[in-house]
Amino acid sequence: MNNIAEILTGYGPLGCWVVFSIVREKFLLKKMELQSDRFENERGKWYDERTRWLKTLGRKLSDKTIDETIR
């Protein structure tokens, strides 16, 4: 906290901009990490569901698989 006070008093508006930029960058990086984690979780769920379908049907999935299964 002491460093931030030194930056603000020593550099004025430019110091404020630097502090704001650092805080904003940390916030955006954290937000990107959360989105990446969400994506990985969703991809894992999709893969598990796809594997379950493959085991259930016993063959490779194709574009016509749903239609063939319904009939």
N, C-alpha and C. Protein backbone atom coordinates (compact mmCIF):
# COMPACT_ATOMS: atom_id res chain seq x y z
N MET A 1 0.83 -1.19 0.00
CA MET A 1 0.00 0.00 0.00
C MET A 1 0.87 1.25 0.00
N ASN A 2 2.01 1.17 0.64
CA ASN A 2 2.93 2.30 0.70
C ASN A 2 3.42 2.67 -0.70
N ASN A 3 3.67 1.66 -1.53
CA ASN A 3 4.12 1.93 -2.89
C ASN A 3 3.07 2.67 -3.70
N ILE A 4 1.81 2.29 -3.52
CA ILE A 4 0.72 2.96 -4.24
C ILE A 4 0.65 4.42 -3.83
N ALA A 5 0.79 4.69 -2.55
CA ALA A 5 0.74 6.08 -2.08
C ALA A 5 1.91 6.87 -2.66
N GLU A 6 3.08 6.26 -2.73
CA GLU A 6 4.24 6.94 -3.32
C GLU A 6 4.02 7.24 -4.80
N ILE A 7 3.43 6.29 -5.51
CA ILE A 7 3.16 6.50 -6.94
C ILE A 7 2.16 7.64 -7.12
N LEU A 8 1.10 7.62 -6.31
CA LEU A 8 0.07 8.66 -6.45
C LEU A 8 0.60 10.05 -6.13
N THR A 9 1.40 10.16 -5.06
CA THR A 9 1.92 11.48 -4.69
C THR A 9 3.06 11.91 -5.60
N GLY A 10 3.83 10.97 -6.08
CA GLY A 10 4.98 11.31 -6.90
C GLY A 10 4.64 11.61 -8.35
N TYR A 11 3.64 10.93 -8.88
CA TYR A 11 3.34 11.06 -10.30
C TYR A 11 1.98 11.69 -10.61
N GLY A 12 1.17 11.93 -9.62
CA GLY A 12 -0.12 12.60 -9.81
C GLY A 12 -1.06 11.80 -10.70
N PRO A 13 -1.66 12.47 -11.68
CA PRO A 13 -2.63 11.80 -12.57
C PRO A 13 -2.04 10.60 -13.30
N LEU A 14 -0.80 10.70 -13.71
CA LEU A 14 -0.15 9.58 -14.37
C LEU A 14 -0.05 8.38 -13.42
N GLY A 15 0.25 8.64 -12.16
CA GLY A 15 0.30 7.58 -11.16
C GLY A 15 -1.06 6.92 -10.97
N CYS A 16 -2.10 7.75 -10.97
CA CYS A 16 -3.46 7.20 -10.86
C CYS A 16 -3.75 6.28 -12.03
N TRP A 17 -3.35 6.69 -13.20
CA TRP A 17 -3.59 5.89 -14.40
C TRP A 17 -2.83 4.56 -14.33
N VAL A 18 -1.60 4.60 -13.84
CA VAL A 18 -0.81 3.37 -13.71
C VAL A 18 -1.46 2.41 -12.72
N VAL A 19 -1.86 2.93 -11.58
CA VAL A 19 -2.51 2.09 -10.56
C VAL A 19 -3.81 1.51 -11.12
N PHE A 20 -4.61 2.34 -11.77
CA PHE A 20 -5.87 1.88 -12.37
C PHE A 20 -5.60 0.78 -13.39
N SER A 21 -4.58 0.98 -14.22
CA SER A 21 -4.26 0.00 -15.26
C SER A 21 -3.84 -1.34 -14.66
N ILE A 22 -3.04 -1.29 -13.60
CA ILE A 22 -2.60 -2.52 -12.96
C ILE A 22 -3.78 -3.28 -12.35
N VAL A 23 -4.64 -2.57 -11.64
CA VAL A 23 -5.80 -3.20 -11.02
C VAL A 23 -6.73 -3.77 -12.08
N ARG A 24 -6.95 -3.02 -13.15
CA ARG A 24 -7.83 -3.48 -14.23
C ARG A 24 -7.26 -4.72 -14.91
N GLU A 25 -5.95 -4.73 -15.15
CA GLU A 25 -5.33 -5.88 -15.79
C GLU A 25 -5.47 -7.13 -14.93
N LYS A 26 -5.26 -7.00 -13.62
CA LYS A 26 -5.42 -8.15 -12.72
C LYS A 26 -6.86 -8.65 -12.75
N PHE A 27 -7.83 -7.72 -12.75
CA PHE A 27 -9.24 -8.10 -12.81
C PHE A 27 -9.56 -8.84 -14.10
N LEU A 28 -9.07 -8.32 -15.23
CA LEU A 28 -9.36 -8.95 -16.51
C LEU A 28 -8.70 -10.32 -16.64
N LEU A 29 -7.49 -10.46 -16.12
CA LEU A 29 -6.82 -11.76 -16.16
C LEU A 29 -7.58 -12.80 -15.35
N LYS A 30 -8.08 -12.38 -14.18
CA LYS A 30 -8.86 -13.30 -13.35
C LYS A 30 -10.16 -13.70 -14.07
N LYS A 31 -10.79 -12.74 -14.72
CA LYS A 31 -12.02 -13.02 -15.46
C LYS A 31 -11.75 -13.99 -16.61
N MET A 32 -10.63 -13.83 -17.30
CA MET A 32 -10.26 -14.74 -18.39
C MET A 32 -10.01 -16.15 -17.85
N GLU A 33 -9.37 -16.26 -16.70
CA GLU A 33 -9.13 -17.57 -16.11
C GLU A 33 -10.44 -18.26 -15.74
N LEU A 34 -11.39 -17.49 -15.21
CA LEU A 34 -12.69 -18.08 -14.87
C LEU A 34 -13.41 -18.58 -16.12
N GLN A 35 -13.37 -17.80 -17.19
CA GLN A 35 -14.00 -18.23 -18.43
C GLN A 35 -13.32 -19.48 -19.00
N SER A 36 -12.01 -19.53 -18.90
CA SER A 36 -11.27 -20.69 -19.38
C SER A 36 -11.64 -21.94 -18.57
N ASP A 37 -11.76 -21.79 -17.26
CA ASP A 37 -12.16 -22.92 -16.41
C ASP A 37 -13.56 -23.39 -16.77
N ARG A 38 -14.48 -22.44 -16.98
CA ARG A 38 -15.84 -22.80 -17.36
C ARG A 38 -15.86 -23.56 -18.68
N PHE A 39 -15.06 -23.08 -19.64
CA PHE A 39 -14.98 -23.73 -20.94
C PHE A 39 -14.47 -25.16 -20.80
N GLU A 40 -13.41 -25.34 -20.01
CA GLU A 40 -12.84 -26.67 -19.82
C GLU A 40 -13.85 -27.61 -19.16
N ASN A 41 -14.60 -27.11 -18.18
CA ASN A 41 -15.62 -27.94 -17.51
C ASN A 41 -16.71 -28.34 -18.50
N GLU A 42 -17.16 -27.39 -19.31
CA GLU A 42 -18.21 -27.68 -20.29
C GLU A 42 -17.72 -28.68 -21.33
N ARG A 43 -16.48 -28.51 -21.76
CA ARG A 43 -15.92 -29.44 -22.73
C ARG A 43 -15.82 -30.85 -22.14
N GLY A 44 -15.44 -30.94 -20.88
CA GLY A 44 -15.38 -32.24 -20.21
C GLY A 44 -16.74 -32.91 -20.13
N LYS A 45 -17.76 -32.13 -19.80
CA LYS A 45 -19.13 -32.67 -19.74
C LYS A 45 -19.57 -33.15 -21.11
N TRP A 46 -19.26 -32.37 -22.15
CA TRP A 46 -19.63 -32.75 -23.50
C TRP A 46 -18.94 -34.06 -23.90
N TYR A 47 -17.66 -34.18 -23.57
CA TYR A 47 -16.90 -35.39 -23.90
C TYR A 47 -17.49 -36.60 -23.18
N ASP A 48 -17.84 -36.45 -21.91
CA ASP A 48 -18.43 -37.56 -21.16
C ASP A 48 -19.77 -37.98 -21.77
N GLU A 49 -20.58 -37.00 -22.15
CA GLU A 49 -21.88 -37.32 -22.77
C GLU A 49 -21.67 -38.02 -24.11
N ARG A 50 -20.71 -37.55 -24.89
CA ARG A 50 -20.43 -38.17 -26.19
C ARG A 50 -19.96 -39.61 -25.99
N THR A 51 -19.09 -39.84 -25.01
CA THR A 51 -18.61 -41.19 -24.73
C THR A 51 -19.76 -42.10 -24.30
N ARG A 52 -20.67 -41.56 -23.49
CA ARG A 52 -21.83 -42.33 -23.06
C ARG A 52 -22.69 -42.74 -24.25
N TRP A 53 -22.86 -41.80 -25.18
CA TRP A 53 -23.64 -42.11 -26.39
C TRP A 53 -22.94 -43.19 -27.21
N LEU A 54 -21.64 -43.08 -27.36
CA LEU A 54 -20.90 -44.09 -28.13
C LEU A 54 -21.06 -45.47 -27.51
N LYS A 55 -20.97 -45.56 -26.19
CA LYS A 55 -21.13 -46.84 -25.52
C LYS A 55 -22.55 -47.36 -25.66
N THR A 56 -23.54 -46.46 -25.58
CA THR A 56 -24.94 -46.85 -25.69
C THR A 56 -25.26 -47.38 -27.08
N LEU A 57 -24.80 -46.67 -28.08
CA LEU A 57 -25.13 -47.05 -29.45
C LEU A 57 -24.20 -48.13 -29.99
N GLY A 58 -22.99 -48.21 -29.43
CA GLY A 58 -22.06 -49.23 -29.86
C GLY A 58 -21.47 -49.00 -31.23
N ARG A 59 -21.50 -47.79 -31.71
CA ARG A 59 -20.94 -47.48 -33.03
C ARG A 59 -20.58 -46.01 -33.10
N LYS A 60 -19.95 -45.64 -34.18
CA LYS A 60 -19.51 -44.26 -34.35
C LYS A 60 -20.73 -43.36 -34.60
N LEU A 61 -20.72 -42.19 -33.96
CA LEU A 61 -21.81 -41.24 -34.17
C LEU A 61 -21.66 -40.58 -35.54
N SER A 62 -22.78 -40.37 -36.20
CA SER A 62 -22.78 -39.67 -37.47
C SER A 62 -23.90 -38.65 -37.46
N ASP A 63 -24.07 -37.94 -38.56
CA ASP A 63 -25.14 -36.95 -38.64
C ASP A 63 -26.51 -37.61 -38.62
N LYS A 64 -26.60 -38.85 -39.04
CA LYS A 64 -27.89 -39.53 -39.13
C LYS A 64 -28.19 -40.37 -37.89
N THR A 65 -27.31 -40.41 -36.92
CA THR A 65 -27.47 -41.28 -35.76
C THR A 65 -28.77 -41.00 -35.01
N ILE A 66 -29.07 -39.73 -34.78
CA ILE A 66 -30.29 -39.37 -34.05
C ILE A 66 -31.52 -39.87 -34.80
N ASP A 67 -31.56 -39.62 -36.10
CA ASP A 67 -32.71 -40.07 -36.90
C ASP A 67 -32.84 -41.60 -36.87
N GLU A 68 -31.71 -42.29 -36.98
CA GLU A 68 -31.74 -43.76 -36.97
C GLU A 68 -32.19 -44.28 -35.60
N THR A 69 -31.81 -43.60 -34.54
CA THR A 69 -32.16 -44.03 -33.20
C THR A 69 -33.66 -43.83 -32.93
N ILE A 70 -34.21 -42.74 -33.43
CA ILE A 70 -35.62 -42.44 -33.21
C ILE A 70 -36.51 -43.43 -33.92
N ARG A 71 -36.13 -43.88 -35.10
CA ARG A 71 -36.97 -44.80 -35.89
C ARG A 71 -37.02 -46.16 -35.32
